[in-house]
Protein backbone atom coordinates (compact mmCIF):
# COMPACT_ATOMS: atom_id res chain seq x y z
CA UNK A 1 -36.29 30.65 13.51
CA UNK A 2 -36.69 29.80 17.07
CA UNK A 3 -34.31 29.51 20.07
CA UNK A 4 -34.87 27.00 22.97
CA UNK A 5 -33.38 25.83 26.20
CA UNK A 6 -34.32 22.40 26.88
CA UNK A 7 -33.55 20.62 30.34
CA UNK A 8 -33.62 19.81 33.85
CA UNK A 9 -30.72 21.12 36.49
CA UNK A 10 -30.12 20.32 40.01
CA UNK A 11 -33.54 22.53 41.16
CA UNK A 12 -36.05 20.39 39.31
CA UNK A 13 -34.83 16.54 39.32
CA UNK A 14 -33.21 14.24 41.50
CA UNK A 15 -29.44 13.23 41.43
CA UNK A 16 -31.06 10.06 40.13
CA UNK A 17 -33.18 10.70 37.19
CA UNK A 18 -29.91 13.34 36.50
CA UNK A 19 -27.81 10.84 36.26
CA UNK A 20 -29.92 8.95 34.34
CA UNK A 21 -31.09 12.28 31.65
CA UNK A 22 -27.14 12.48 31.12
CA UNK A 23 -24.70 12.03 28.39
CA UNK A 24 -22.03 9.91 28.40
CA UNK A 25 -18.68 12.13 27.03
CA UNK A 26 -18.12 9.58 24.18
CA UNK A 27 -21.65 9.11 23.36
CA UNK A 28 -22.26 13.59 22.44
CA UNK A 29 -21.34 14.04 19.36
CA UNK A 30 -23.50 10.51 18.10
CA UNK A 31 -26.19 12.03 20.19
CA UNK A 32 -26.05 15.74 18.63
CA UNK A 33 -26.27 14.36 15.68
CA UNK A 34 -29.16 11.70 16.60
CA UNK A 35 -31.38 14.68 17.72
CA UNK A 36 -30.62 16.98 15.23
CA UNK A 37 -32.54 14.40 12.41
CA UNK A 38 -34.56 13.19 14.96
CA UNK A 39 -36.42 16.60 16.39
CA UNK A 40 -35.64 18.44 13.05
CA UNK A 41 -33.48 20.84 14.23
CA UNK A 42 -31.44 23.15 12.86
CA UNK A 43 -28.68 23.24 15.09
CA UNK A 44 -27.84 22.06 18.85
CA UNK A 45 -25.95 21.95 21.98
CA UNK A 46 -26.12 19.43 24.41
CA UNK A 47 -24.49 20.39 28.04
CA UNK A 48 -24.13 17.47 30.66
CA UNK A 49 -22.54 18.15 33.72
CA UNK A 50 -23.54 16.72 37.47
CA UNK A 51 -26.29 19.09 38.07
CA UNK A 52 -27.85 19.35 34.68
CA UNK A 53 -28.32 18.10 31.14
CA UNK A 54 -29.86 20.78 28.73
CA UNK A 55 -30.12 20.79 25.29
CA UNK A 56 -29.48 25.01 23.44
CA UNK A 57 -31.11 24.55 19.99
CA UNK A 58 -32.42 26.66 16.28
CA UNK A 59 -36.05 24.86 15.50
CA UNK A 60 -37.89 26.04 13.03
CA UNK A 61 -40.92 25.82 15.05
CA UNK A 62 -41.93 26.25 19.10
CA UNK A 63 -42.58 22.70 19.40
CA UNK A 64 -41.16 20.03 21.64
CA UNK A 65 -42.58 16.76 21.02
CA UNK A 66 -39.76 15.25 19.16
CA UNK A 67 -37.33 16.32 20.98
CA UNK A 68 -38.77 14.84 24.10
CA UNK A 69 -39.40 11.48 21.81
CA UNK A 70 -35.79 11.28 21.36
CA UNK A 71 -34.91 11.83 24.88
CA UNK A 72 -36.95 9.26 26.12
CA UNK A 73 -35.85 6.90 24.01
CA UNK A 74 -32.00 7.37 24.05
CA UNK A 75 -32.19 7.14 28.53
CA UNK A 76 -35.00 4.72 27.91
CA UNK A 77 -37.35 6.33 29.95
CA UNK A 78 -40.90 7.03 30.17
CA UNK A 79 -42.42 10.67 29.42
CA UNK A 80 -44.26 11.57 31.60
CA UNK A 81 -41.20 10.91 33.63
CA UNK A 82 -39.24 13.35 32.23
CA UNK A 83 -41.67 16.00 31.50
CA UNK A 84 -41.79 16.59 35.40
CA UNK A 85 -38.84 17.93 35.95
CA UNK A 86 -37.76 19.46 32.50
CA UNK A 87 -38.00 23.12 31.70
CA UNK A 88 -37.84 25.10 28.74
CA UNK A 89 -37.40 28.67 28.09
CA UNK A 90 -38.39 29.83 24.03
CA UNK A 91 -36.11 32.80 22.14
CA UNK A 92 -34.88 36.15 24.16
CA UNK A 93 -36.25 33.71 27.09
CA UNK A 94 -33.94 30.83 26.11
CA UNK A 95 -30.65 33.56 25.72
CA UNK A 96 -31.61 34.42 29.66
CA UNK A 97 -31.54 31.05 30.63
CA UNK A 98 -27.68 30.47 28.73
CA UNK A 99 -26.39 33.61 30.24
CA UNK A 100 -27.76 33.11 33.55
CA UNK A 101 -26.22 29.21 33.26
CA UNK A 102 -22.68 30.71 31.87
CA UNK A 103 -22.63 33.29 34.91
CA UNK A 104 -23.21 29.99 37.23
CA UNK A 105 -26.48 32.70 38.49
CA UNK A 106 -27.82 29.02 37.90
CA UNK A 107 -26.60 27.19 39.93
CA UNK A 108 -25.86 25.01 42.79
CA UNK A 109 -23.08 27.32 44.43
CA UNK A 110 -24.31 30.85 43.53
CA UNK A 111 -21.10 32.37 41.55
CA UNK A 112 -19.39 29.30 40.35
CA UNK A 113 -16.97 29.71 37.76
CA UNK A 114 -16.83 26.16 36.34
CA UNK A 115 -19.89 25.56 34.28
CA UNK A 116 -18.60 28.39 31.71
CA UNK A 117 -15.25 26.10 31.05
CA UNK A 118 -18.55 23.21 30.79
CA UNK A 119 -20.43 25.08 28.25
CA UNK A 120 -17.11 26.11 26.28
CA UNK A 121 -16.65 22.63 26.10
CA UNK A 122 -19.83 21.66 24.99
CA UNK A 123 -20.22 24.01 22.70
CA UNK A 124 -16.73 22.62 21.08
CA UNK A 125 -18.37 18.73 21.18
CA UNK A 126 -21.15 20.70 19.39
CA UNK A 127 -18.45 22.45 16.52
CA UNK A 128 -16.53 19.34 16.27
CA UNK A 129 -19.94 17.26 15.20
CA UNK A 130 -20.56 20.11 13.16
CA UNK A 131 -24.75 20.47 14.81
CA UNK A 132 -24.19 23.92 15.44
CA UNK A 133 -23.85 26.89 12.25
CA UNK A 134 -24.25 30.13 12.48
CA UNK A 135 -27.21 31.01 14.74
CA UNK A 136 -26.02 29.12 17.83
CA UNK A 137 -23.28 30.65 17.10
CA UNK A 138 -24.02 33.81 17.21
CA UNK A 139 -25.35 32.67 20.75
CA UNK A 140 -22.52 31.29 22.68
CA UNK A 141 -20.06 33.93 21.70
CA UNK A 142 -22.53 36.77 22.85
CA UNK A 143 -22.82 34.27 25.66
CA UNK A 144 -19.57 33.98 26.92
CA UNK A 145 -18.74 37.40 25.45
CA UNK A 146 -21.60 38.83 28.52
CA UNK A 147 -20.17 36.15 31.24
CA UNK A 148 -16.75 37.42 31.34
CA UNK A 149 -17.64 41.12 31.74
CA UNK A 150 -20.23 39.98 34.10
CA UNK A 151 -17.27 38.18 36.18
CA UNK A 152 -15.39 41.80 35.38
CA UNK A 153 -18.22 44.23 36.28
CA UNK A 154 -19.70 42.14 39.36
CA UNK A 155 -18.65 40.76 42.58
CA UNK A 156 -20.36 37.13 41.65
CA UNK A 157 -17.39 35.08 42.27
CA UNK A 158 -14.89 36.52 44.61
CA UNK A 159 -16.39 35.60 47.52
CA UNK A 160 -15.90 32.36 49.14
CA UNK A 161 -19.81 30.84 50.14
CA UNK A 162 -17.67 27.18 51.57
CA UNK A 163 -16.45 27.41 54.84
CA UNK A 164 -13.65 24.96 53.30
CA UNK A 165 -13.13 27.25 50.27
CA UNK A 166 -13.37 29.99 53.61
CA UNK A 167 -10.17 28.04 55.53
CA UNK A 168 -7.93 27.92 52.19
CA UNK A 169 -8.49 31.51 51.69
CA UNK A 170 -7.75 33.16 54.75
CA UNK A 171 -4.52 31.19 55.56
CA UNK A 172 -3.19 33.63 52.32
CA UNK A 173 -3.60 36.40 55.10
CA UNK A 174 -1.19 34.29 57.02
CA UNK A 175 0.94 33.01 53.93
CA UNK A 176 2.28 34.83 51.06
CA UNK A 177 2.86 32.02 49.29
CA UNK A 178 0.73 28.47 50.01
CA UNK A 179 3.25 26.48 47.34
CA UNK A 180 5.98 26.30 50.20
CA UNK A 181 4.03 25.75 53.12
CA UNK A 182 3.29 22.52 54.22
CA UNK A 183 -0.40 21.61 55.34
CA UNK A 184 -1.32 19.12 57.86
CA UNK A 185 -5.92 17.80 57.66
CA UNK A 186 -6.94 16.21 60.24
CA UNK A 187 -9.59 14.25 59.09
CA UNK A 188 -10.79 12.49 55.90
CA UNK A 189 -14.54 13.97 55.31
CA UNK A 190 -15.91 15.32 52.61
CA UNK A 191 -15.21 18.95 54.62
CA UNK A 192 -10.89 18.33 54.67
CA UNK A 193 -11.19 16.78 50.96
CA UNK A 194 -12.98 19.89 50.09
CA UNK A 195 -9.91 21.67 51.57
CA UNK A 196 -7.37 19.76 50.02
CA UNK A 197 -9.28 20.59 46.87
CA UNK A 198 -8.25 23.92 47.15
CA UNK A 199 -5.00 23.80 48.55
CA UNK A 200 -4.31 21.91 45.61
CA UNK A 201 -5.60 24.42 43.38
CA UNK A 202 -3.96 27.31 45.05
CA UNK A 203 -0.26 25.31 44.68
CA UNK A 204 0.24 23.64 47.83
CA UNK A 205 1.83 20.23 47.03
CA UNK A 206 3.08 19.20 50.85
CA UNK A 207 0.21 17.92 52.92
CA UNK A 208 -0.61 14.95 55.56
CA UNK A 209 -3.40 13.59 55.44
CA UNK A 210 -3.96 12.10 59.22
CA UNK A 211 -7.37 9.69 60.25
CA UNK A 212 -8.69 7.07 62.74
CA UNK A 213 -8.31 4.60 59.76
CA UNK A 214 -4.99 4.87 57.98
CA UNK A 215 -7.18 3.37 54.77
CA UNK A 216 -9.14 6.25 54.24
CA UNK A 217 -6.08 8.22 54.57
CA UNK A 218 -4.40 6.78 52.64
CA UNK A 219 -7.56 7.14 50.08
CA UNK A 220 -7.63 11.13 49.96
CA UNK A 221 -3.87 11.37 50.15
CA UNK A 222 -3.62 9.78 47.48
CA UNK A 223 -5.86 11.71 45.04
CA UNK A 224 -3.06 14.61 46.21
CA UNK A 225 -0.22 12.73 46.24
CA UNK A 226 -0.31 13.80 49.85
CA UNK A 227 1.08 11.52 53.15
CA UNK A 228 -1.51 9.45 54.79
CA UNK A 229 -0.83 8.82 58.96
CA UNK A 230 -3.13 8.13 61.72
CA UNK A 231 -4.22 10.33 64.59
CA UNK A 232 -1.18 9.30 66.90
CA UNK A 233 1.16 10.37 64.32
CA UNK A 234 0.54 13.68 64.84
CA UNK A 235 3.24 14.57 67.54
CA UNK A 236 5.68 13.56 64.56
CA UNK A 237 4.27 15.73 61.76
CA UNK A 238 3.19 18.85 63.50
CA UNK A 239 5.93 20.68 63.35
CA UNK A 240 6.55 20.01 60.32
CA UNK A 241 2.97 22.32 59.40
CA UNK A 242 2.91 25.48 58.45
CA UNK A 243 -1.40 24.73 58.25
CA UNK A 244 -3.00 23.12 59.97
CA UNK A 245 -6.87 22.24 59.34
CA UNK A 246 -9.16 19.70 61.32
CA UNK A 247 -12.70 18.64 60.78
CA UNK A 248 -13.23 15.18 62.79
CA UNK A 249 -16.50 13.96 64.69
CA UNK A 250 -14.42 13.07 68.06
CA UNK A 251 -16.03 14.06 70.83
CA UNK A 252 -13.01 15.09 72.41
CA UNK A 253 -10.31 17.65 71.33
CA UNK A 254 -7.27 15.52 69.03
CA UNK A 255 -4.47 18.81 69.62
CA UNK A 256 -3.95 19.94 73.67
CA UNK A 257 -2.17 22.96 74.68
CA UNK A 258 0.81 21.28 75.15
CA UNK A 259 1.14 19.28 72.14
CA UNK A 260 1.08 22.49 70.18
CA UNK A 261 3.78 24.67 72.13
CA UNK A 262 5.92 21.43 71.75
CA UNK A 263 5.65 21.42 67.83
CA UNK A 264 6.26 25.27 68.04
CA UNK A 265 9.62 25.28 69.72
CA UNK A 266 10.77 23.35 67.32
CA UNK A 267 9.78 25.69 64.59
CA UNK A 268 11.87 28.02 66.41
CA UNK A 269 8.33 29.93 66.39
CA UNK A 270 7.23 30.73 63.01
CA UNK A 271 4.02 31.15 62.66
CA UNK A 272 1.13 28.23 62.56
CA UNK A 273 -2.30 29.02 60.85
CA UNK A 274 -4.67 25.89 62.96
CA UNK A 275 -8.38 26.51 62.02
CA UNK A 276 -10.99 23.64 63.26
CA UNK A 277 -13.62 22.72 62.07
CA UNK A 278 -15.53 20.62 63.89
CA UNK A 279 -18.29 20.96 66.33
CA UNK A 280 -17.31 20.10 69.25
CA UNK A 281 -14.15 21.71 68.35
CA UNK A 282 -11.01 19.23 67.54
CA UNK A 283 -7.85 21.58 69.29
CA UNK A 284 -7.53 23.37 72.42
CA UNK A 285 -9.01 26.73 73.40
CA UNK A 286 -6.36 27.72 75.36
CA UNK A 287 -4.02 26.96 72.08
CA UNK A 288 -5.19 30.62 70.64
CA UNK A 289 -2.84 31.75 74.26
CA UNK A 290 0.09 30.61 72.25
CA UNK A 291 2.19 33.15 70.12
CA UNK A 292 2.69 32.38 66.55
CA UNK A 293 -0.41 31.06 66.47
CA UNK A 294 -3.40 32.10 64.49
CA UNK A 295 -6.18 29.83 65.45
CA UNK A 296 -10.14 30.11 64.29
CA UNK A 297 -13.36 28.07 64.96
CA UNK A 298 -15.85 27.40 62.49
CA UNK A 299 -17.61 29.98 64.39
CA UNK A 300 -15.50 32.78 62.75
CA UNK A 301 -15.29 31.23 59.03
CA UNK A 302 -19.07 31.54 59.60
CA UNK A 303 -19.12 34.86 59.60
CA UNK A 304 -17.56 35.30 56.43
CA UNK A 305 -18.89 32.94 54.95
CA UNK A 306 -22.32 35.55 55.60
CA UNK A 307 -20.80 38.36 54.87
CA UNK A 308 -19.83 36.84 51.95
CA UNK A 309 -22.85 35.14 50.68
CA UNK A 310 -24.48 38.33 51.40
CA UNK A 311 -22.15 40.57 49.10
CA UNK A 312 -22.87 37.26 46.67
CA UNK A 313 -26.18 38.46 46.03
CA UNK A 314 -25.67 41.72 45.46
CA UNK A 315 -23.16 40.93 43.27
CA UNK A 316 -26.41 38.49 41.56
CA UNK A 317 -28.43 41.33 41.88
CA UNK A 318 -25.97 43.72 39.36
CA UNK A 319 -25.40 40.25 37.26
CA UNK A 320 -29.29 39.40 36.45
CA UNK A 321 -29.44 43.83 35.55
CA UNK A 322 -26.50 43.69 32.82
CA UNK A 323 -27.66 40.17 32.08
CA UNK A 324 -31.29 41.46 31.13
CA UNK A 325 -29.92 43.91 29.14
CA UNK A 326 -27.01 41.57 27.02
CA UNK A 327 -30.07 39.76 26.52
CA UNK A 328 -31.87 42.50 25.14
CA UNK A 329 -28.58 43.62 22.91
CA UNK A 330 -29.10 39.79 21.41
CA UNK A 331 -31.92 39.88 20.58
CA UNK A 332 -31.77 42.64 18.85
CA UNK A 333 -28.66 41.91 16.94
CA UNK A 334 -31.43 39.05 15.51
CA UNK A 335 -33.72 41.69 14.34
CA UNK A 336 -30.67 43.99 12.63
CA UNK A 337 -29.74 40.31 10.92
CA UNK A 338 -33.05 39.84 10.11
CA UNK A 339 -33.34 43.21 8.42
CA UNK A 340 -30.24 42.46 6.76
CA UNK A 341 -31.65 39.79 4.65
CA UNK A 342 -34.86 41.23 4.13
CA UNK A 343 -32.81 44.22 1.77
CA UNK A 344 -30.32 41.50 0.14
CA UNK A 345 -33.52 39.85 -0.84
CA UNK A 346 -35.26 42.93 -2.16
CA UNK A 347 -32.16 43.58 -3.92
CA UNK A 348 -31.62 40.55 -5.03
CA UNK A 349 -35.24 41.22 -6.75
CA UNK A 350 -34.70 44.43 -8.41
CA UNK A 351 -31.15 42.89 -10.33
CA UNK A 352 -33.36 40.44 -11.66
CA UNK A 353 -35.84 42.76 -12.78
CA UNK A 354 -33.10 44.41 -13.60
CA UNK A 355 -31.27 41.81 -16.05
CA UNK A 356 -34.14 41.04 -17.82
CA UNK A 357 -35.05 44.63 -18.88
CA UNK A 358 -31.33 44.78 -19.91
CA UNK A 359 -31.74 41.26 -21.45
CA UNK A 360 -34.62 43.01 -23.34
CA UNK A 361 -33.31 46.43 -24.67
CA UNK A 362 -29.94 44.48 -25.64
CA UNK A 363 -31.71 42.30 -27.79
CA UNK A 364 -33.90 45.41 -29.54
CA UNK A 365 -30.69 47.24 -29.64
CA UNK A 366 -29.10 44.51 -32.30
CA UNK A 367 -31.72 44.45 -33.90
CA UNK A 368 -31.79 48.10 -34.98
CA UNK A 369 -34.12 49.54 -32.81
CA UNK A 370 -33.91 53.58 -31.60
CA UNK A 371 -31.70 53.25 -28.88
CA UNK A 372 -33.92 56.32 -27.10
CA UNK A 373 -36.93 54.71 -27.17
CA UNK A 374 -35.59 51.79 -26.27
CA UNK A 375 -34.14 53.28 -23.23
CA UNK A 376 -37.93 55.04 -22.64
CA UNK A 377 -39.06 52.02 -22.42
CA UNK A 378 -37.14 49.82 -20.14
CA UNK A 379 -37.03 52.67 -17.96
CA UNK A 380 -41.03 52.49 -17.34
CA UNK A 381 -41.17 48.77 -17.74
CA UNK A 382 -38.62 48.75 -15.10
CA UNK A 383 -40.54 51.32 -13.12
CA UNK A 384 -43.88 49.45 -13.58
CA UNK A 385 -41.90 46.33 -12.14
CA UNK A 386 -40.14 47.38 -9.26
CA UNK A 387 -44.14 49.69 -7.93
CA UNK A 388 -46.19 46.54 -8.74
CA UNK A 389 -45.97 44.55 -5.70
CA UNK A 390 -46.30 48.16 -3.25
CA UNK A 391 -48.87 49.62 -5.49
CA UNK A 392 -50.71 46.04 -5.01
CA UNK A 393 -50.28 46.08 -1.07
CA UNK A 394 -50.91 49.72 -0.76
CA UNK A 395 -53.96 49.41 -2.61
CA UNK A 396 -55.50 46.97 -0.49
CA UNK A 397 -53.84 48.78 2.70
CA UNK A 398 -56.46 52.18 2.37
CA UNK A 399 -59.44 49.92 0.90
CA UNK A 400 -59.08 48.17 4.57
CA UNK A 401 -58.52 52.04 6.12
CA UNK A 402 -55.16 50.62 7.59
CA UNK A 403 -53.46 53.89 8.17
CA UNK A 404 -50.77 52.73 10.16
CA UNK A 405 -49.53 50.56 7.20
CA UNK A 406 -49.27 53.90 4.62
CA UNK A 407 -48.03 55.74 7.06
CA UNK A 408 -45.31 52.47 7.38
CA UNK A 409 -45.19 52.55 3.33
CA UNK A 410 -44.38 56.59 3.71
CA UNK A 411 -41.50 56.41 6.10
CA UNK A 412 -39.61 53.15 3.89
CA UNK A 413 -40.87 55.35 0.50
CA UNK A 414 -38.99 58.14 2.37
CA UNK A 415 -42.33 59.84 0.50
CA UNK A 416 -44.70 62.61 2.00
CA UNK A 417 -48.49 62.15 2.37
CA UNK A 418 -50.97 64.30 0.78
CA UNK A 419 -52.01 66.20 3.93
CA UNK A 420 -47.90 67.12 5.14
CA UNK A 421 -47.91 68.67 1.13
CA UNK A 422 -50.76 70.80 1.75
CA UNK A 423 -49.67 72.55 4.25
């Protein structure tokens, strides 16, 4: 049995190719059964996300020819177009790769947690398709345990490494319960969309999206059950905003000191958290002079992001060490299983020999033979049969001068060499 991790990811393939090699969720089960039969795999699971498509396999031999042929046919892509972007890891390298993926060490955003859930889903689908068994089952369970240990013992996923996430995390320093806050998001681009997503994940349900064009504001607002307004409506909604995060492409400030001061009076000076992620700035610098306003700029956030990225890199080094250790543990466990299988097979052989000799002895006893002679003969026959195979191998080793094999045999059989006895 050999283990294989085979696929592409964001580092080896373009978005276009990743899209063409992706597996639709409703076709994964049929694909699993098809690839197992076509590529002659013992077990297989498929992980397909926006950033990677990978197959984790248990196979009889170290060969990817049939697997590559199936991928080419299934996705109607030339083989050379696939091979330019694919990678393959075998045995302990495959184990290590899977653990790095599960821990977020191989992700576009270092340490991101979503991939572990996606792996668990991939394993569950393979279980439903009955294309995984004890071999990949042990690997995935060991991997999930390792990923949990890595997240517990290191800070790989604790520090935000995006400006949007850092902005949302900073709001927690001002408000103990974000669920009770109202957020005003100015702009409707990618950064504000990420901010909205992070706020929504933190339980913020009262959000207002202000944008120059109402249609774009509506599109974003609908996704998070928010309210959409134009930039001209900001003075009307600002007094209700506990959190204001702005990221537009405006060449001039959108929020001035006077408008914020007026809103604070209506709020009876309840604190207001303001984050200006735009360059040039959307919020006048003088707003920071107002009491009860906590104003941060993109430079403040960048310092947080850079420091967190450094801390995450340090945690990643610790995580890599844990991955190496967990990989060794898993491979050692496989070797132990090999020993168990060998012992079981050896015991079965001895039981078969014993059964034959007992049956022969019983027949002789029933025929009236001498019990003592029969028992003596049975024991000699059993010893001779047990010793036959090892004796042949030991003689061959001696004839070939294989002292190492003779020493191993002595250890296995628990006997001393003649030289030891003479001392």
